[in-house]
Amino acid sequence: MFVTLGKLQPLELRDLVGQFLVDRFVVVDLLAHCLDCLIETFHTRHQLRCQSAQLFRA
């Protein structure tokens, strides 16, 4: 039980499990977004390196 507005409210297990799953999905989504940004950064750096190498060869 927990207190809200001075009243005891029952805290059900399904509420805890539901909130836990929602929080886990948010964390997984953020990690996937960070990984996507990291991959995009590496791809952009690779493209810039290739373009600068072509520029200096010409």
N, C-alpha and C. Protein backbone atom coordinates (compact mmCIF):
# COMPACT_ATOMS: atom_id res chain seq x y z
N MET A 1 0.83 -1.19 0.00
CA MET A 1 0.00 0.00 0.00
C MET A 1 0.88 1.25 0.00
N PHE A 2 0.36 2.27 -0.57
CA PHE A 2 1.06 3.55 -0.53
C PHE A 2 0.05 4.66 -0.29
N VAL A 3 0.52 5.81 0.11
CA VAL A 3 -0.35 6.91 0.51
C VAL A 3 -0.44 7.92 -0.62
N THR A 4 -1.69 8.24 -1.01
CA THR A 4 -1.93 9.33 -1.95
C THR A 4 -3.05 10.17 -1.39
N LEU A 5 -2.84 11.45 -1.30
CA LEU A 5 -3.84 12.39 -0.78
C LEU A 5 -4.38 11.94 0.58
N GLY A 6 -3.51 11.40 1.42
CA GLY A 6 -3.90 11.02 2.76
C GLY A 6 -4.65 9.71 2.87
N LYS A 7 -4.83 8.99 1.76
CA LYS A 7 -5.55 7.72 1.79
C LYS A 7 -4.60 6.60 1.40
N LEU A 8 -4.79 5.45 2.00
CA LEU A 8 -4.00 4.27 1.63
C LEU A 8 -4.59 3.67 0.36
N GLN A 9 -3.76 3.43 -0.60
CA GLN A 9 -4.19 2.83 -1.86
C GLN A 9 -3.49 1.49 -2.03
N PRO A 10 -4.22 0.44 -2.42
CA PRO A 10 -3.56 -0.84 -2.64
C PRO A 10 -2.66 -0.77 -3.88
N LEU A 11 -1.48 -1.31 -3.75
CA LEU A 11 -0.53 -1.35 -4.85
C LEU A 11 -0.52 -2.77 -5.39
N GLU A 12 -1.10 -2.95 -6.55
CA GLU A 12 -1.25 -4.30 -7.08
C GLU A 12 0.00 -4.71 -7.85
N LEU A 13 0.25 -6.00 -7.83
CA LEU A 13 1.43 -6.55 -8.50
C LEU A 13 1.39 -6.26 -9.99
N ARG A 14 0.22 -6.34 -10.60
CA ARG A 14 0.14 -6.10 -12.05
C ARG A 14 0.51 -4.66 -12.39
N ASP A 15 0.20 -3.71 -11.48
CA ASP A 15 0.61 -2.33 -11.71
C ASP A 15 2.13 -2.21 -11.69
N LEU A 16 2.76 -2.89 -10.73
CA LEU A 16 4.22 -2.86 -10.65
C LEU A 16 4.85 -3.50 -11.88
N VAL A 17 4.31 -4.65 -12.29
CA VAL A 17 4.85 -5.34 -13.46
C VAL A 17 4.64 -4.50 -14.72
N GLY A 18 3.47 -3.91 -14.84
CA GLY A 18 3.19 -3.05 -15.99
C GLY A 18 4.14 -1.87 -16.07
N GLN A 19 4.35 -1.21 -14.94
CA GLN A 19 5.27 -0.06 -14.92
C GLN A 19 6.70 -0.50 -15.20
N PHE A 20 7.08 -1.65 -14.66
CA PHE A 20 8.42 -2.19 -14.91
C PHE A 20 8.63 -2.43 -16.40
N LEU A 21 7.63 -3.03 -17.06
CA LEU A 21 7.74 -3.30 -18.50
C LEU A 21 7.80 -2.01 -19.31
N VAL A 22 7.00 -1.04 -18.93
CA VAL A 22 7.02 0.25 -19.63
C VAL A 22 8.39 0.89 -19.49
N ASP A 23 8.94 0.88 -18.27
CA ASP A 23 10.26 1.46 -18.05
C ASP A 23 11.33 0.72 -18.84
N ARG A 24 11.23 -0.60 -18.91
CA ARG A 24 12.22 -1.37 -19.67
C ARG A 24 12.14 -1.06 -21.15
N PHE A 25 10.91 -0.91 -21.69
CA PHE A 25 10.76 -0.57 -23.10
C PHE A 25 11.37 0.80 -23.39
N VAL A 26 11.20 1.75 -22.48
CA VAL A 26 11.78 3.08 -22.66
C VAL A 26 13.30 2.99 -22.69
N VAL A 27 13.88 2.22 -21.77
CA VAL A 27 15.33 2.06 -21.72
C VAL A 27 15.84 1.40 -22.99
N VAL A 28 15.17 0.35 -23.44
CA VAL A 28 15.60 -0.35 -24.66
C VAL A 28 15.48 0.59 -25.86
N ASP A 29 14.43 1.38 -25.92
CA ASP A 29 14.26 2.33 -27.02
C ASP A 29 15.37 3.38 -27.02
N LEU A 30 15.72 3.88 -25.84
CA LEU A 30 16.81 4.86 -25.76
C LEU A 30 18.15 4.26 -26.17
N LEU A 31 18.40 3.03 -25.74
CA LEU A 31 19.64 2.36 -26.13
C LEU A 31 19.71 2.15 -27.64
N ALA A 32 18.59 1.75 -28.23
CA ALA A 32 18.55 1.56 -29.69
C ALA A 32 18.79 2.89 -30.40
N HIS A 33 18.22 3.96 -29.88
CA HIS A 33 18.42 5.28 -30.48
C HIS A 33 19.89 5.70 -30.38
N CYS A 34 20.51 5.47 -29.23
CA CYS A 34 21.93 5.80 -29.06
C CYS A 34 22.80 4.99 -30.01
N LEU A 35 22.49 3.72 -30.16
CA LEU A 35 23.25 2.87 -31.07
C LEU A 35 23.09 3.36 -32.51
N ASP A 36 21.88 3.74 -32.88
CA ASP A 36 21.63 4.27 -34.22
C ASP A 36 22.42 5.55 -34.46
N CYS A 37 22.46 6.43 -33.47
CA CYS A 37 23.24 7.68 -33.60
C CYS A 37 24.73 7.37 -33.73
N LEU A 38 25.21 6.42 -32.97
CA LEU A 38 26.62 6.04 -33.03
C LEU A 38 26.99 5.48 -34.41
N ILE A 39 26.14 4.62 -34.94
CA ILE A 39 26.38 4.05 -36.27
C ILE A 39 26.36 5.16 -37.33
N GLU A 40 25.41 6.07 -37.21
CA GLU A 40 25.33 7.18 -38.17
C GLU A 40 26.58 8.06 -38.10
N THR A 41 27.10 8.28 -36.89
CA THR A 41 28.32 9.07 -36.73
C THR A 41 29.50 8.40 -37.40
N PHE A 42 29.66 7.09 -37.18
CA PHE A 42 30.76 6.36 -37.81
C PHE A 42 30.63 6.37 -39.33
N HIS A 43 29.41 6.22 -39.82
CA HIS A 43 29.18 6.23 -41.26
C HIS A 43 29.55 7.60 -41.86
N THR A 44 29.15 8.66 -41.19
CA THR A 44 29.46 10.01 -41.67
C THR A 44 30.96 10.26 -41.66
N ARG A 45 31.64 9.83 -40.60
CA ARG A 45 33.10 10.01 -40.54
C ARG A 45 33.80 9.22 -41.65
N HIS A 46 33.30 8.02 -41.92
CA HIS A 46 33.89 7.21 -42.99
C HIS A 46 33.71 7.89 -44.35
N GLN A 47 32.51 8.43 -44.58
CA GLN A 47 32.27 9.13 -45.85
C GLN A 47 33.18 10.34 -45.99
N LEU A 48 33.36 11.09 -44.91
CA LEU A 48 34.23 12.27 -44.98
C LEU A 48 35.68 11.87 -45.25
N ARG A 49 36.12 10.78 -44.62
CA ARG A 49 37.49 10.31 -44.87
C ARG A 49 37.67 9.91 -46.33
N CYS A 50 36.70 9.19 -46.88
CA CYS A 50 36.78 8.76 -48.28
C CYS A 50 36.78 9.96 -49.22
N GLN A 51 35.93 10.94 -48.95
CA GLN A 51 35.86 12.11 -49.81
C GLN A 51 37.14 12.94 -49.72
N SER A 52 37.70 13.07 -48.53
CA SER A 52 38.95 13.85 -48.42
C SER A 52 40.10 13.11 -49.09
N ALA A 53 40.12 11.78 -49.03
CA ALA A 53 41.16 11.01 -49.72
C ALA A 53 41.04 11.19 -51.22
N GLN A 54 39.82 11.18 -51.74
CA GLN A 54 39.63 11.40 -53.18
C GLN A 54 40.04 12.81 -53.58
N LEU A 55 39.77 13.77 -52.72
CA LEU A 55 40.11 15.16 -53.01
C LEU A 55 41.62 15.34 -53.11
N PHE A 56 42.36 14.70 -52.20
CA PHE A 56 43.82 14.85 -52.21
C PHE A 56 44.48 14.04 -53.33
N ARG A 57 43.82 12.98 -53.79
CA ARG A 57 44.37 12.19 -54.91
C ARG A 57 44.24 12.93 -56.23
N ALA A 58 43.20 13.73 -56.35
CA ALA A 58 42.93 14.39 -57.64
C ALA A 58 43.82 15.56 -57.93
